[in-house]
Amino acid sequence: MQFHLNHKPKPSVIKIDHSQKLMLVGSCFSENIGITLQKHHFNCLVNPNGILFNPQSIHQSLVHCLENSTDIASHSHEREGLHFSFLHHSSISENSEQKLKALITKKQKEAHDHLKTTDVLVLTFGTAYTYFHKTQNITVANCHKHPGTIFEKKLLSVEEIVNDYFSLIDKLKAFNPKLKFIFTVSPVKYLKDGLEENNLSKATLLLAISELKKKFGIDYFPAYELVIDDLRDYRFYKEDLAHPNDAAIKYVWEKFSDTYFSDETKKLNSELHSINASEDHKILFPESEEAKLFKDNLNTKKKELSKKHPFLKF
């Protein structure tokens, strides 16, 4: 009996290997796949502004990366002794406004420099709903638990998303001519918006990306479809029934590998996975001869891989 579709995305003309630089920005797919890429020693920068959910905030983030803008630190506020920015995720916080500005400036410079030489940019849209701060006159990346009354909730249109990214993609290509684009839609369900509203939001994102694909020939990876239509079972969600669980993330990673990695890259990933597993192994008696031999063998494997693949960093 077959319990899921086992959808196989077509191999992409974009090929990713360990010698390239990657940047991932957006919702949870970018975070989950980005962390997995980092664990396999890919050179990638993941969400310098923290997790971003809507296309407008992702657009703002990338424009600021391009311009290496410093005025984004001005959109800060304090809550319960911590300082946040309305243009950043809540993970970007400090205990003083000065420290927050310094942190944001540092991350912004790092993102600007990384983007300049990035080979592949992966953008993940999570929701087409935005929250507009009525007094600061900005679309916020995160409400940071402020009262809903100070925001205006809005559903972006396909045209608004497409117009923003028509301009942005041209600017990014001028900034970094070798840059390639992969767009995805997050399979996370925004149940607080309502089921109908969540589906309307996802449809808006899919239609917008379809238009961008027609115009620019960008790549689309079906993370959303792999969870929603392929696995199609709440066994693959966490207890909140909104976020894909580890099994689903692993499944999507395997499909991502088949789509963008060569056999040689997948073989190297397998070797790196073995090294990671060894590093995670808990040694009961660190001073024993057996433990020392284990560490020596592990270091030997690292040196051999580094010699064969000089771009790897351990």
C-alpha atoms as a PDB file:
ATOM      1  CA  MET A   1       0.000   0.000   0.000  1.00  0.00           C
ATOM      2  CA  GLN A   2       1.163   3.506  -0.816  1.00  0.00           C
ATOM      3  CA  PHE A   3       0.538   6.099   1.894  1.00  0.00           C
ATOM      4  CA  HIS A   4       2.023   9.166   0.234  1.00  0.00           C
ATOM      5  CA  LEU A   5       2.812  10.409  -3.272  1.00  0.00           C
ATOM      6  CA  ASN A   6       6.637  10.314  -3.041  1.00  0.00           C
ATOM      7  CA  HIS A   7       6.745  13.384  -5.259  1.00  0.00           C
ATOM      8  CA  LYS A   8      10.088  13.808  -7.006  1.00  0.00           C
ATOM      9  CA  PRO A   9      10.909  17.394  -7.991  1.00  0.00           C
ATOM     10  CA  LYS A  10      12.820  17.645 -11.252  1.00  0.00           C
ATOM     11  CA  PRO A  11      16.591  18.056 -10.874  1.00  0.00           C
ATOM     12  CA  SER A  12      17.372  21.759 -11.115  1.00  0.00           C
ATOM     13  CA  VAL A  13      19.787  23.444 -13.496  1.00  0.00           C
ATOM     14  CA  ILE A  14      21.069  25.182 -10.342  1.00  0.00           C
ATOM     15  CA  LYS A  15      23.657  22.953  -8.691  1.00  0.00           C
ATOM     16  CA  ILE A  16      24.871  23.591  -5.151  1.00  0.00           C
ATOM     17  CA  ASP A  17      28.174  22.327  -3.773  1.00  0.00           C
ATOM     18  CA  HIS A  18      30.405  23.014  -0.774  1.00  0.00           C
ATOM     19  CA  SER A  19      32.653  25.455  -2.637  1.00  0.00           C
ATOM     20  CA  GLN A  20      29.788  27.929  -3.098  1.00  0.00           C
ATOM     21  CA  LYS A  21      28.411  30.636  -0.826  1.00  0.00           C
ATOM     22  CA  LEU A  22      24.734  30.522   0.055  1.00  0.00           C
ATOM     23  CA  MET A  23      22.327  32.888   1.758  1.00  0.00           C
ATOM     24  CA  LEU A  24      18.886  31.935   3.078  1.00  0.00           C
ATOM     25  CA  VAL A  25      16.288  34.491   4.114  1.00  0.00           C
ATOM     26  CA  GLY A  26      12.683  34.132   5.206  1.00  0.00           C
ATOM     27  CA  SER A  27      10.376  31.796   7.051  1.00  0.00           C
ATOM     28  CA  CYS A  28      10.981  28.493   8.808  1.00  0.00           C
ATOM     29  CA  PHE A  29      12.061  26.539   5.707  1.00  0.00           C
ATOM     30  CA  SER A  30      15.029  28.874   5.279  1.00  0.00           C
ATOM     31  CA  GLU A  31      15.878  28.398   8.944  1.00  0.00           C
ATOM     32  CA  ASN A  32      15.523  24.590   8.973  1.00  0.00           C
ATOM     33  CA  ILE A  33      17.271  23.908   5.673  1.00  0.00           C
ATOM     34  CA  GLY A  34      19.863  26.595   6.403  1.00  0.00           C
ATOM     35  CA  ILE A  35      20.828  24.992   9.703  1.00  0.00           C
ATOM     36  CA  THR A  36      21.037  21.586   8.002  1.00  0.00           C
ATOM     37  CA  LEU A  37      23.294  23.070   5.310  1.00  0.00           C
ATOM     38  CA  GLN A  38      25.526  24.580   7.993  1.00  0.00           C
ATOM     39  CA  LYS A  39      25.740  21.234   9.788  1.00  0.00           C
ATOM     40  CA  HIS A  40      27.020  19.782   6.515  1.00  0.00           C
ATOM     41  CA  HIS A  41      29.668  22.539   6.354  1.00  0.00           C
ATOM     42  CA  PHE A  42      28.191  24.587   3.523  1.00  0.00           C
ATOM     43  CA  ASN A  43      29.253  28.233   3.612  1.00  0.00           C
ATOM     44  CA  CYS A  44      25.879  29.857   4.214  1.00  0.00           C
ATOM     45  CA  LEU A  45      24.419  32.821   6.052  1.00  0.00           C
ATOM     46  CA  VAL A  46      20.946  32.221   7.485  1.00  0.00           C
ATOM     47  CA  ASN A  47      18.455  34.970   8.339  1.00  0.00           C
ATOM     48  CA  PRO A  48      20.683  37.842   9.488  1.00  0.00           C
ATOM     49  CA  ASN A  49      17.512  39.668  10.635  1.00  0.00           C
ATOM     50  CA  GLY A  50      16.073  36.540  12.241  1.00  0.00           C
ATOM     51  CA  ILE A  51      13.112  34.582  10.859  1.00  0.00           C
ATOM     52  CA  LEU A  52      10.985  36.740   8.530  1.00  0.00           C
ATOM     53  CA  PHE A  53       7.502  35.670   7.521  1.00  0.00           C
ATOM     54  CA  ASN A  54       6.025  37.969   4.871  1.00  0.00           C
ATOM     55  CA  PRO A  55       7.419  38.983   1.440  1.00  0.00           C
ATOM     56  CA  GLN A  56       7.426  42.690   2.300  1.00  0.00           C
ATOM     57  CA  SER A  57       9.650  42.234   5.358  1.00  0.00           C
ATOM     58  CA  ILE A  58      11.956  39.911   3.401  1.00  0.00           C
ATOM     59  CA  HIS A  59      12.091  42.585   0.688  1.00  0.00           C
ATOM     60  CA  GLN A  60      12.944  45.268   3.270  1.00  0.00           C
ATOM     61  CA  SER A  61      15.688  43.082   4.714  1.00  0.00           C
ATOM     62  CA  LEU A  62      17.334  42.482   1.335  1.00  0.00           C
ATOM     63  CA  VAL A  63      17.147  46.161   0.347  1.00  0.00           C
ATOM     64  CA  HIS A  64      18.902  47.040   3.594  1.00  0.00           C
ATOM     65  CA  CYS A  65      21.518  44.346   2.882  1.00  0.00           C
ATOM     66  CA  LEU A  66      22.119  45.847  -0.545  1.00  0.00           C
ATOM     67  CA  GLU A  67      22.447  49.388   0.769  1.00  0.00           C
ATOM     68  CA  ASN A  68      24.199  48.375   3.997  1.00  0.00           C
ATOM     69  CA  SER A  69      21.662  50.673   5.617  1.00  0.00           C
ATOM     70  CA  THR A  70      22.108  51.770   9.217  1.00  0.00           C
ATOM     71  CA  ASP A  71      18.796  53.579   9.717  1.00  0.00           C
ATOM     72  CA  ILE A  72      17.025  50.278  10.428  1.00  0.00           C
ATOM     73  CA  ALA A  73      18.384  50.467  13.960  1.00  0.00           C
ATOM     74  CA  SER A  74      16.137  53.490  14.537  1.00  0.00           C
ATOM     75  CA  HIS A  75      12.987  51.320  14.588  1.00  0.00           C
ATOM     76  CA  SER A  76      13.694  50.058  18.092  1.00  0.00           C
ATOM     77  CA  HIS A  77      11.543  49.792  21.196  1.00  0.00           C
ATOM     78  CA  GLU A  78      11.829  48.467  24.729  1.00  0.00           C
ATOM     79  CA  ARG A  79       9.742  45.761  26.386  1.00  0.00           C
ATOM     80  CA  GLU A  80      10.363  44.162  29.770  1.00  0.00           C
ATOM     81  CA  GLY A  81      13.943  45.407  29.897  1.00  0.00           C
ATOM     82  CA  LEU A  82      14.899  44.196  26.423  1.00  0.00           C
ATOM     83  CA  HIS A  83      15.292  46.277  23.262  1.00  0.00           C
ATOM     84  CA  PHE A  84      13.935  45.029  19.937  1.00  0.00           C
ATOM     85  CA  SER A  85      13.631  46.283  16.367  1.00  0.00           C
ATOM     86  CA  PHE A  86      10.332  46.169  14.495  1.00  0.00           C
ATOM     87  CA  LEU A  87      12.304  45.207  11.373  1.00  0.00           C
ATOM     88  CA  HIS A  88      13.829  42.148  13.032  1.00  0.00           C
ATOM     89  CA  HIS A  89      12.727  38.918  14.640  1.00  0.00           C
ATOM     90  CA  SER A  90      12.515  38.804  18.446  1.00  0.00           C
ATOM     91  CA  SER A  91      15.730  36.737  18.529  1.00  0.00           C
ATOM     92  CA  ILE A  92      17.575  39.967  17.673  1.00  0.00           C
ATOM     93  CA  SER A  93      17.488  41.724  21.055  1.00  0.00           C
ATOM     94  CA  GLU A  94      19.793  43.359  23.630  1.00  0.00           C
ATOM     95  CA  ASN A  95      19.498  44.875  27.101  1.00  0.00           C
ATOM     96  CA  SER A  96      20.184  48.416  25.855  1.00  0.00           C
ATOM     97  CA  GLU A  97      19.365  50.452  22.761  1.00  0.00           C
ATOM     98  CA  GLN A  98      23.061  51.106  22.137  1.00  0.00           C
ATOM     99  CA  LYS A  99      23.915  47.402  22.182  1.00  0.00           C
ATOM    100  CA  LEU A 100      20.961  46.607  19.904  1.00  0.00           C
ATOM    101  CA  LYS A 101      22.116  49.177  17.330  1.00  0.00           C
ATOM    102  CA  ALA A 102      25.649  47.797  17.482  1.00  0.00           C
ATOM    103  CA  LEU A 103      24.380  44.233  16.979  1.00  0.00           C
ATOM    104  CA  ILE A 104      22.158  45.202  14.038  1.00  0.00           C
ATOM    105  CA  THR A 105      24.946  47.227  12.411  1.00  0.00           C
ATOM    106  CA  LYS A 106      27.333  44.272  12.721  1.00  0.00           C
ATOM    107  CA  LYS A 107      24.830  41.806  11.270  1.00  0.00           C
ATOM    108  CA  GLN A 108      23.953  44.230   8.460  1.00  0.00           C
ATOM    109  CA  LYS A 109      27.596  44.616   7.409  1.00  0.00           C
ATOM    110  CA  GLU A 110      28.098  40.845   7.510  1.00  0.00           C
ATOM    111  CA  ALA A 111      24.997  40.303   5.346  1.00  0.00           C
ATOM    112  CA  HIS A 112      26.058  43.003   2.854  1.00  0.00           C
ATOM    113  CA  ASP A 113      29.518  41.503   2.429  1.00  0.00           C
ATOM    114  CA  HIS A 114      28.195  37.951   2.178  1.00  0.00           C
ATOM    115  CA  LEU A 115      25.515  38.862  -0.382  1.00  0.00           C
ATOM    116  CA  LYS A 116      28.116  40.509  -2.614  1.00  0.00           C
ATOM    117  CA  THR A 117      29.757  37.137  -3.310  1.00  0.00           C
ATOM    118  CA  THR A 118      26.821  34.765  -2.756  1.00  0.00           C
ATOM    119  CA  ASP A 119      26.187  32.143  -5.444  1.00  0.00           C
ATOM    120  CA  VAL A 120      22.648  31.097  -4.482  1.00  0.00           C
ATOM    121  CA  LEU A 121      19.998  33.061  -2.576  1.00  0.00           C
ATOM    122  CA  VAL A 122      17.106  31.031  -1.124  1.00  0.00           C
ATOM    123  CA  LEU A 123      13.981  33.027  -0.217  1.00  0.00           C
ATOM    124  CA  THR A 124      11.073  31.489   1.685  1.00  0.00           C
ATOM    125  CA  PHE A 125       7.687  33.206   1.918  1.00  0.00           C
ATOM    126  CA  GLY A 126       5.594  32.178   4.919  1.00  0.00           C
ATOM    127  CA  THR A 127       2.464  34.324   4.808  1.00  0.00           C
ATOM    128  CA  ALA A 128       0.998  37.066   2.627  1.00  0.00           C
ATOM    129  CA  TYR A 129      -0.422  38.818   5.711  1.00  0.00           C
ATOM    130  CA  THR A 130       1.452  41.849   7.001  1.00  0.00           C
ATOM    131  CA  TYR A 131       1.138  44.089  10.059  1.00  0.00           C
ATOM    132  CA  PHE A 132       1.498  47.834   9.529  1.00  0.00           C
ATOM    133  CA  HIS A 133       2.567  49.946  12.518  1.00  0.00           C
ATOM    134  CA  LYS A 134       0.164  52.888  12.531  1.00  0.00           C
ATOM    135  CA  THR A 135       2.479  55.429  14.181  1.00  0.00           C
ATOM    136  CA  GLN A 136       5.882  54.322  12.864  1.00  0.00           C
ATOM    137  CA  ASN A 137       4.431  53.916   9.331  1.00  0.00           C
ATOM    138  CA  ILE A 138       6.272  50.681   8.592  1.00  0.00           C
ATOM    139  CA  THR A 139       5.420  47.080   7.879  1.00  0.00           C
ATOM    140  CA  VAL A 140       6.847  45.205  10.838  1.00  0.00           C
ATOM    141  CA  ALA A 141       8.755  41.956  10.641  1.00  0.00           C
ATOM    142  CA  ASN A 142       7.497  40.987  14.096  1.00  0.00           C
ATOM    143  CA  CYS A 143       4.917  42.474  16.462  1.00  0.00           C
ATOM    144  CA  HIS A 144       6.949  41.498  19.538  1.00  0.00           C
ATOM    145  CA  LYS A 145       3.757  40.809  21.537  1.00  0.00           C
ATOM    146  CA  HIS A 146       2.513  44.402  21.315  1.00  0.00           C
ATOM    147  CA  PRO A 147      -1.270  45.017  21.330  1.00  0.00           C
ATOM    148  CA  GLY A 148      -2.932  44.360  18.003  1.00  0.00           C
ATOM    149  CA  THR A 149      -4.599  47.772  18.163  1.00  0.00           C
ATOM    150  CA  ILE A 150      -1.380  49.564  17.192  1.00  0.00           C
ATOM    151  CA  PHE A 151      -1.163  47.584  13.926  1.00  0.00           C
ATOM    152  CA  GLU A 152      -3.242  47.292  10.795  1.00  0.00           C
ATOM    153  CA  LYS A 153      -3.402  43.752   9.408  1.00  0.00           C
ATOM    154  CA  LYS A 154      -3.367  43.491   5.629  1.00  0.00           C
ATOM    155  CA  LEU A 155      -3.313  40.739   2.995  1.00  0.00           C
ATOM    156  CA  LEU A 156      -0.784  41.587   0.284  1.00  0.00           C
ATOM    157  CA  SER A 157      -1.967  41.223  -3.291  1.00  0.00           C
ATOM    158  CA  VAL A 158      -0.143  39.208  -5.938  1.00  0.00           C
ATOM    159  CA  GLU A 159       0.575  42.466  -7.785  1.00  0.00           C
ATOM    160  CA  GLU A 160       2.151  44.117  -4.733  1.00  0.00           C
ATOM    161  CA  ILE A 161       4.515  41.189  -4.153  1.00  0.00           C
ATOM    162  CA  VAL A 162       5.440  40.897  -7.820  1.00  0.00           C
ATOM    163  CA  ASN A 163       6.112  44.637  -8.208  1.00  0.00           C
ATOM    164  CA  ASP A 164       8.388  44.668  -5.163  1.00  0.00           C
ATOM    165  CA  TYR A 165      10.432  41.720  -6.406  1.00  0.00           C
ATOM    166  CA  PHE A 166      10.591  42.823 -10.053  1.00  0.00           C
ATOM    167  CA  SER A 167      12.603  45.808  -8.873  1.00  0.00           C
ATOM    168  CA  LEU A 168      14.538  43.933  -6.175  1.00  0.00           C
ATOM    169  CA  ILE A 169      15.746  41.076  -8.372  1.00  0.00           C
ATOM    170  CA  ASP A 170      17.098  43.558 -10.947  1.00  0.00           C
ATOM    171  CA  LYS A 171      18.979  45.405  -8.180  1.00  0.00           C
ATOM    172  CA  LEU A 172      20.356  42.162  -6.736  1.00  0.00           C
ATOM    173  CA  LYS A 173      21.591  41.038 -10.164  1.00  0.00           C
ATOM    174  CA  ALA A 174      23.309  44.379 -10.684  1.00  0.00           C
ATOM    175  CA  PHE A 175      24.908  44.095  -7.228  1.00  0.00           C
ATOM    176  CA  ASN A 176      25.992  40.478  -7.768  1.00  0.00           C
ATOM    177  CA  PRO A 177      25.754  39.315 -11.411  1.00  0.00           C
ATOM    178  CA  LYS A 178      26.432  35.631 -10.623  1.00  0.00           C
ATOM    179  CA  LEU A 179      23.562  35.402  -8.106  1.00  0.00           C
ATOM    180  CA  LYS A 180      20.965  32.650  -8.655  1.00  0.00           C
ATOM    181  CA  PHE A 181      17.566  32.534  -6.957  1.00  0.00           C
ATOM    182  CA  ILE A 182      15.541  29.745  -5.366  1.00  0.00           C
ATOM    183  CA  PHE A 183      12.086  30.643  -4.035  1.00  0.00           C
ATOM    184  CA  THR A 184      10.016  28.458  -1.722  1.00  0.00           C
ATOM    185  CA  VAL A 185       6.777  28.682   0.269  1.00  0.00           C
ATOM    186  CA  SER A 186       6.789  27.512   3.881  1.00  0.00           C
ATOM    187  CA  PRO A 187       4.527  24.540   4.722  1.00  0.00           C
ATOM    188  CA  VAL A 188       3.907  26.009   8.195  1.00  0.00           C
ATOM    189  CA  LYS A 189       0.180  26.559   8.724  1.00  0.00           C
ATOM    190  CA  TYR A 190      -0.835  29.954  10.149  1.00  0.00           C
ATOM    191  CA  LEU A 191      -3.846  28.600  11.985  1.00  0.00           C
ATOM    192  CA  LYS A 192      -4.382  31.774  14.025  1.00  0.00           C
ATOM    193  CA  ASP A 193      -5.360  33.506  10.789  1.00  0.00           C
ATOM    194  CA  GLY A 194      -7.980  30.810  10.121  1.00  0.00           C
ATOM    195  CA  LEU A 195      -7.933  27.868   7.704  1.00  0.00           C
ATOM    196  CA  GLU A 196      -9.545  29.736   4.810  1.00  0.00           C
ATOM    197  CA  GLU A 197      -7.309  32.747   5.396  1.00  0.00           C
ATOM    198  CA  ASN A 198      -4.185  30.562   5.569  1.00  0.00           C
ATOM    199  CA  ASN A 199      -5.039  28.905   2.250  1.00  0.00           C
ATOM    200  CA  LEU A 200      -5.784  32.268   0.633  1.00  0.00           C
ATOM    201  CA  SER A 201      -2.430  33.548   1.882  1.00  0.00           C
ATOM    202  CA  LYS A 202      -0.493  30.540   0.546  1.00  0.00           C
ATOM    203  CA  ALA A 203      -2.288  30.790  -2.818  1.00  0.00           C
ATOM    204  CA  THR A 204      -1.283  34.453  -3.057  1.00  0.00           C
ATOM    205  CA  LEU A 205       2.361  33.560  -2.434  1.00  0.00           C
ATOM    206  CA  LEU A 206       2.309  30.735  -4.987  1.00  0.00           C
ATOM    207  CA  LEU A 207       0.760  32.949  -7.650  1.00  0.00           C
ATOM    208  CA  ALA A 208       3.293  35.703  -7.018  1.00  0.00           C
ATOM    209  CA  ILE A 209       6.231  33.289  -7.316  1.00  0.00           C
ATOM    210  CA  SER A 210       4.729  31.885 -10.514  1.00  0.00           C
ATOM    211  CA  GLU A 211       4.795  35.385 -12.012  1.00  0.00           C
ATOM    212  CA  LEU A 212       8.401  35.900 -10.922  1.00  0.00           C
ATOM    213  CA  LYS A 213       9.332  32.569 -12.484  1.00  0.00           C
ATOM    214  CA  LYS A 214       7.833  33.688 -15.810  1.00  0.00           C
ATOM    215  CA  LYS A 215       9.709  36.987 -15.719  1.00  0.00           C
ATOM    216  CA  PHE A 216      13.118  35.977 -14.370  1.00  0.00           C
ATOM    217  CA  GLY A 217      13.314  32.198 -14.703  1.00  0.00           C
ATOM    218  CA  ILE A 218      13.949  31.873 -10.976  1.00  0.00           C
ATOM    219  CA  ASP A 219      13.885  28.386  -9.464  1.00  0.00           C
ATOM    220  CA  TYR A 220      10.988  27.181  -7.328  1.00  0.00           C
ATOM    221  CA  PHE A 221      11.484  24.380  -4.813  1.00  0.00           C
ATOM    222  CA  PRO A 222       8.156  22.778  -3.711  1.00  0.00           C
ATOM    223  CA  ALA A 223       8.719  22.572   0.066  1.00  0.00           C
ATOM    224  CA  TYR A 224       5.058  23.522   0.593  1.00  0.00           C
ATOM    225  CA  GLU A 225       3.750  20.827  -1.746  1.00  0.00           C
ATOM    226  CA  LEU A 226       6.047  18.135  -0.356  1.00  0.00           C
ATOM    227  CA  VAL A 227       4.502  18.490   3.104  1.00  0.00           C
ATOM    228  CA  ILE A 228       0.947  19.522   2.260  1.00  0.00           C
ATOM    229  CA  ASP A 229       0.312  17.300  -0.786  1.00  0.00           C
ATOM    230  CA  ASP A 230       2.968  14.579  -0.660  1.00  0.00           C
ATOM    231  CA  LEU A 231       3.242  13.588   3.023  1.00  0.00           C
ATOM    232  CA  ARG A 232      -0.271  14.941   3.650  1.00  0.00           C
ATOM    233  CA  ASP A 233      -0.616  13.621   7.184  1.00  0.00           C
ATOM    234  CA  TYR A 234      -0.592  15.219  10.637  1.00  0.00           C
ATOM    235  CA  ARG A 235       1.868  12.525  11.738  1.00  0.00           C
ATOM    236  CA  PHE A 236       4.426  14.784  10.091  1.00  0.00           C
ATOM    237  CA  TYR A 237       3.489  17.823  12.171  1.00  0.00           C
ATOM    238  CA  LYS A 238       4.388  18.828  15.688  1.00  0.00           C
ATOM    239  CA  GLU A 239       1.771  18.844  18.441  1.00  0.00           C
ATOM    240  CA  ASP A 240       0.602  22.339  17.435  1.00  0.00           C
ATOM    241  CA  LEU A 241      -0.497  20.833  14.067  1.00  0.00           C
ATOM    242  CA  ALA A 242       1.071  23.856  12.382  1.00  0.00           C
ATOM    243  CA  HIS A 243       4.833  23.182  12.192  1.00  0.00           C
ATOM    244  CA  PRO A 244       6.360  20.219  10.314  1.00  0.00           C
ATOM    245  CA  ASN A 245       8.215  17.858  12.633  1.00  0.00           C
ATOM    246  CA  ASP A 246      11.753  16.474  12.322  1.00  0.00           C
ATOM    247  CA  ALA A 247      10.648  13.600  10.082  1.00  0.00           C
ATOM    248  CA  ALA A 248       9.047  16.022   7.620  1.00  0.00           C
ATOM    249  CA  ILE A 249      12.094  18.306   7.660  1.00  0.00           C
ATOM    250  CA  LYS A 250      14.362  15.330   6.971  1.00  0.00           C
ATOM    251  CA  TYR A 251      12.105  14.261   4.077  1.00  0.00           C
ATOM    252  CA  VAL A 252      12.195  17.747   2.540  1.00  0.00           C
ATOM    253  CA  TRP A 253      15.986  17.865   2.993  1.00  0.00           C
ATOM    254  CA  GLU A 254      16.338  14.592   1.077  1.00  0.00           C
ATOM    255  CA  LYS A 255      14.233  16.008  -1.784  1.00  0.00           C
ATOM    256  CA  PHE A 256      16.240  19.239  -1.690  1.00  0.00           C
ATOM    257  CA  SER A 257      19.418  17.143  -1.955  1.00  0.00           C
ATOM    258  CA  ASP A 258      18.098  15.233  -4.966  1.00  0.00           C
ATOM    259  CA  THR A 259      17.096  18.492  -6.648  1.00  0.00           C
ATOM    260  CA  TYR A 260      20.252  20.577  -6.158  1.00  0.00           C
ATOM    261  CA  PHE A 261      23.169  18.275  -5.253  1.00  0.00           C
ATOM    262  CA  SER A 262      25.332  16.157  -7.523  1.00  0.00           C
ATOM    263  CA  ASP A 263      26.192  12.574  -6.552  1.00  0.00           C
ATOM    264  CA  GLU A 264      29.635  13.797  -5.489  1.00  0.00           C
ATOM    265  CA  THR A 265      28.123  16.457  -3.191  1.00  0.00           C
ATOM    266  CA  LYS A 266      25.742  13.920  -1.660  1.00  0.00           C
ATOM    267  CA  LYS A 267      28.657  11.550  -1.042  1.00  0.00           C
ATOM    268  CA  LEU A 268      30.570  14.326   0.751  1.00  0.00           C
ATOM    269  CA  ASN A 269      27.446  15.131   2.777  1.00  0.00           C
ATOM    270  CA  SER A 270      27.296  11.505   3.864  1.00  0.00           C
ATOM    271  CA  GLU A 271      30.915  11.616   5.039  1.00  0.00           C
ATOM    272  CA  LEU A 272      30.293  14.874   6.911  1.00  0.00           C
ATOM    273  CA  HIS A 273      27.172  13.413   8.500  1.00  0.00           C
ATOM    274  CA  SER A 274      29.294  10.515   9.793  1.00  0.00           C
ATOM    275  CA  ILE A 275      31.791  12.975  11.285  1.00  0.00           C
ATOM    276  CA  ASN A 276      28.982  14.978  12.887  1.00  0.00           C
ATOM    277  CA  ALA A 277      27.560  11.805  14.422  1.00  0.00           C
ATOM    278  CA  SER A 278      30.981  10.956  15.844  1.00  0.00           C
ATOM    279  CA  GLU A 279      31.359  14.452  17.307  1.00  0.00           C
ATOM    280  CA  ASP A 280      27.940  14.155  18.940  1.00  0.00           C
ATOM    281  CA  HIS A 281      28.846  10.797  20.462  1.00  0.00           C
ATOM    282  CA  LYS A 282      28.993  11.031  24.259  1.00  0.00           C
ATOM    283  CA  ILE A 283      32.235   9.646  25.639  1.00  0.00           C
ATOM    284  CA  LEU A 284      31.821   8.193  29.119  1.00  0.00           C
ATOM    285  CA  PHE A 285      35.542   8.061  29.968  1.00  0.00           C
ATOM    286  CA  PRO A 286      37.313  10.907  28.089  1.00  0.00           C
ATOM    287  CA  GLU A 287      40.740  10.071  29.524  1.00  0.00           C
ATOM    288  CA  SER A 288      40.706   6.411  28.497  1.00  0.00           C
ATOM    289  CA  GLU A 289      42.958   5.061  25.726  1.00  0.00           C
ATOM    290  CA  GLU A 290      39.887   4.058  23.760  1.00  0.00           C
ATOM    291  CA  ALA A 291      38.564   7.636  23.902  1.00  0.00           C
ATOM    292  CA  LYS A 292      41.908   9.067  22.802  1.00  0.00           C
ATOM    293  CA  LEU A 293      42.039   6.624  19.883  1.00  0.00           C
ATOM    294  CA  PHE A 294      38.471   7.614  18.941  1.00  0.00           C
ATOM    295  CA  LYS A 295      39.429  11.325  18.889  1.00  0.00           C
ATOM    296  CA  ASP A 296      42.602  10.652  16.891  1.00  0.00           C
ATOM    297  CA  ASN A 297      40.649   8.730  14.261  1.00  0.00           C
ATOM    298  CA  LEU A 298      38.091  11.525  14.060  1.00  0.00           C
ATOM    299  CA  ASN A 299      40.800  14.176  13.620  1.00  0.00           C
ATOM    300  CA  THR A 300      42.446  12.055  10.941  1.00  0.00           C
ATOM    301  CA  LYS A 301      39.178  11.858   9.010  1.00  0.00           C
ATOM    302  CA  LYS A 302      38.792  15.646   9.223  1.00  0.00           C
ATOM    303  CA  LYS A 303      42.331  16.249   7.983  1.00  0.00           C
ATOM    304  CA  GLU A 304      41.864  13.856   5.075  1.00  0.00           C
ATOM    305  CA  LEU A 305      38.621  15.529   4.028  1.00  0.00           C
ATOM    306  CA  SER A 306      40.120  19.022   4.409  1.00  0.00           C
ATOM    307  CA  LYS A 307      43.073  18.000   2.239  1.00  0.00           C
ATOM    308  CA  LYS A 308      40.741  16.624  -0.423  1.00  0.00           C
ATOM    309  CA  HIS A 309      38.279  19.540  -0.137  1.00  0.00           C
ATOM    310  CA  PRO A 310      40.256  22.694   0.895  1.00  0.00           C
ATOM    311  CA  PHE A 311      37.090  24.813   1.076  1.00  0.00           C
ATOM    312  CA  LEU A 312      35.770  22.815   4.050  1.00  0.00           C
ATOM    313  CA  LYS A 313      36.088  24.402   7.477  1.00  0.00           C
ATOM    314  CA  PHE A 314      35.949  22.325  10.676  1.00  0.00           C
END
